[in-house]
Amino acid sequence: MSLSIRRVNYYHTIVEDKHGKGYWLLEHFRQKGVSLEAFIAFPLGGGKSQMDFVVGDVEVLRQAALEAGIKLIGPKRAFMAQGDDEVGAIVELHQKLSSAGINIHAGSGLSAGTGTFSYLFWVNSDDYENAALALEV
């Protein structure tokens, strides 16, 4: 598998940063058939956490969130890179963006354990289209 980069939309919600809240929402989404392509959660401080979701079927996510009483924010834009897990796998995409004067302001990646990886990353919204051009996506 060669490196593949694509545009993705993501949605997020803010929840209380307390025991079981993430489990409760993820279990609800599972029961409602929400298929997550990516999920990231992180603390915001002040007793709150943000949960980000990239999904294949946005309407299923919206309906599940509505039923759970969760306010979804989005869509917002990011990029997803996937490819062979090898040393330096994401260096070239960073180089392309750096050469274009574009900063990656957040990213999260991991190896799938099967020789492949996924990397979800964000640029400032004002730079998104220029980033897409630099990355040829």
Protein backbone atom coordinates (compact mmCIF):
# COMPACT_ATOMS: atom_id res chain seq x y z
CA MET A 1 0.00 0.00 0.00
CA SER A 2 1.46 3.34 -0.96
CA LEU A 3 0.76 6.52 0.98
CA SER A 4 -2.79 7.75 0.53
CA ILE A 5 -3.99 11.11 1.82
CA ARG A 6 -7.59 12.23 1.74
CA ARG A 7 -9.77 15.02 3.00
CA VAL A 8 -12.08 14.10 5.86
CA ASN A 9 -14.81 15.84 7.79
CA TYR A 10 -14.98 15.40 11.50
CA TYR A 11 -17.47 16.26 14.18
CA HIS A 12 -16.86 16.82 17.85
CA THR A 13 -18.67 17.20 21.11
CA ILE A 14 -17.72 18.45 24.54
CA VAL A 15 -18.51 16.16 27.47
CA GLU A 16 -17.86 16.07 31.19
CA ASP A 17 -14.39 14.68 31.91
CA LYS A 18 -15.51 11.97 34.29
CA HIS A 19 -15.38 8.22 34.69
CA GLY A 20 -17.56 6.32 32.23
CA LYS A 21 -18.69 9.23 30.05
CA GLY A 22 -16.62 8.13 27.04
CA TYR A 23 -17.72 4.52 27.49
CA TRP A 24 -21.37 5.55 27.72
CA LEU A 25 -21.25 7.54 24.48
CA LEU A 26 -19.19 4.98 22.55
CA GLU A 27 -21.52 2.19 23.68
CA HIS A 28 -24.53 4.25 22.59
CA PHE A 29 -22.91 4.84 19.20
CA ARG A 30 -22.15 1.12 18.86
CA GLN A 31 -25.77 0.23 19.59
CA LYS A 32 -26.92 2.75 16.98
CA GLY A 33 -24.54 1.42 14.31
CA VAL A 34 -22.13 4.37 14.16
CA SER A 35 -19.01 3.13 12.36
CA LEU A 36 -15.99 5.17 13.46
CA GLU A 37 -13.12 5.65 11.02
CA ALA A 38 -11.28 7.67 13.66
CA PHE A 39 -11.92 8.69 17.25
CA ILE A 40 -9.84 10.97 19.43
CA ALA A 41 -10.60 12.29 22.90
CA PHE A 42 -8.60 14.72 25.00
CA PRO A 43 -9.08 16.88 28.09
CA LEU A 44 -9.86 20.57 27.71
CA GLY A 45 -9.56 21.46 31.36
CA GLY A 46 -12.27 22.78 33.63
CA GLY A 47 -13.78 19.30 33.92
CA LYS A 48 -14.48 18.99 30.18
CA SER A 49 -13.16 16.75 27.39
CA GLN A 50 -13.51 16.94 23.63
CA MET A 51 -14.38 13.87 21.58
CA ASP A 52 -13.70 13.96 17.81
CA PHE A 53 -15.33 11.56 15.35
CA VAL A 54 -14.63 10.73 11.70
CA VAL A 55 -17.39 8.52 10.35
CA GLY A 56 -18.52 7.04 7.06
CA ASP A 57 -22.22 7.83 7.52
CA VAL A 58 -22.80 11.27 9.03
CA GLU A 59 -26.57 10.85 9.27
CA VAL A 60 -26.20 7.78 11.50
CA LEU A 61 -23.85 9.79 13.75
CA ARG A 62 -26.21 12.79 13.86
CA GLN A 63 -29.22 10.64 14.73
CA ALA A 64 -27.32 8.76 17.45
CA ALA A 65 -26.04 12.02 18.95
CA LEU A 66 -29.54 13.51 18.90
CA GLU A 67 -30.94 10.46 20.68
CA ALA A 68 -28.15 10.68 23.28
CA GLY A 69 -28.76 14.39 23.86
CA ILE A 70 -25.24 15.19 22.63
CA LYS A 71 -24.59 18.40 20.69
CA LEU A 72 -22.38 17.74 17.67
CA ILE A 73 -20.21 20.53 16.31
CA GLY A 74 -19.13 20.34 12.69
CA PRO A 75 -18.42 19.42 10.08
CA LYS A 76 -14.86 20.58 10.42
CA ARG A 77 -12.03 19.57 8.11
CA ALA A 78 -8.92 17.48 8.56
CA PHE A 79 -6.79 15.08 6.54
CA MET A 80 -6.30 11.32 6.89
CA ALA A 81 -3.08 9.68 5.69
CA GLN A 82 -2.81 5.89 5.48
CA GLY A 83 -0.07 3.70 4.17
CA ASP A 84 2.71 1.22 4.81
CA ASP A 85 4.15 1.44 8.30
CA GLU A 86 7.81 2.21 7.70
CA VAL A 87 10.41 4.50 9.20
CA GLY A 88 9.67 8.09 8.18
CA ALA A 89 6.29 7.26 6.66
CA ILE A 90 4.86 10.75 7.25
CA VAL A 91 8.01 12.82 6.78
CA GLU A 92 7.30 13.62 3.11
CA LEU A 93 3.81 15.00 3.78
CA HIS A 94 5.25 17.17 6.57
CA GLN A 95 7.96 18.35 4.18
CA LYS A 96 5.40 19.28 1.51
CA LEU A 97 3.37 21.31 3.97
CA SER A 98 6.43 22.93 5.50
CA SER A 99 7.68 23.95 2.05
CA ALA A 100 4.28 25.52 1.38
CA GLY A 101 4.50 27.46 4.67
CA ILE A 102 1.69 25.45 6.26
CA ASN A 103 1.79 24.28 9.88
CA ILE A 104 0.22 21.05 11.09
CA HIS A 105 -1.26 22.23 14.35
CA ALA A 106 -2.40 18.81 15.59
CA GLY A 107 -2.05 15.20 14.57
CA SER A 108 -2.59 11.70 15.87
CA GLY A 109 -1.25 8.56 14.26
CA LEU A 110 -0.75 4.93 15.03
CA SER A 111 0.39 1.69 13.55
CA ALA A 112 -2.36 -0.80 12.87
CA GLY A 113 0.01 -3.58 13.86
CA THR A 114 -0.33 -5.20 10.44
CA GLY A 115 2.30 -3.20 8.60
CA THR A 116 0.04 -0.20 7.98
CA PHE A 117 -0.64 3.10 9.75
CA SER A 118 -3.20 5.87 9.90
CA TYR A 119 -2.49 9.52 10.65
CA LEU A 120 -5.22 12.08 11.24
CA PHE A 121 -3.96 15.66 11.10
CA TRP A 122 -5.25 19.20 11.17
CA VAL A 123 -4.09 22.47 9.67
CA ASN A 124 -5.56 25.91 10.34
CA SER A 125 -8.82 26.36 8.46
CA ASP A 126 -7.40 29.30 6.49
CA ASP A 127 -4.65 26.96 5.19
CA TYR A 128 -6.85 23.97 4.36
CA GLU A 129 -7.23 24.46 0.60
CA ASN A 130 -3.56 25.37 0.18
CA ALA A 131 -2.64 22.25 2.17
CA ALA A 132 -4.83 20.15 -0.11
CA LEU A 133 -3.02 21.60 -3.13
CA ALA A 134 0.40 20.99 -1.58
CA LEU A 135 -0.58 17.40 -0.81
CA GLU A 136 -2.31 16.93 -4.18
CA VAL A 137 -5.62 15.83 -2.66
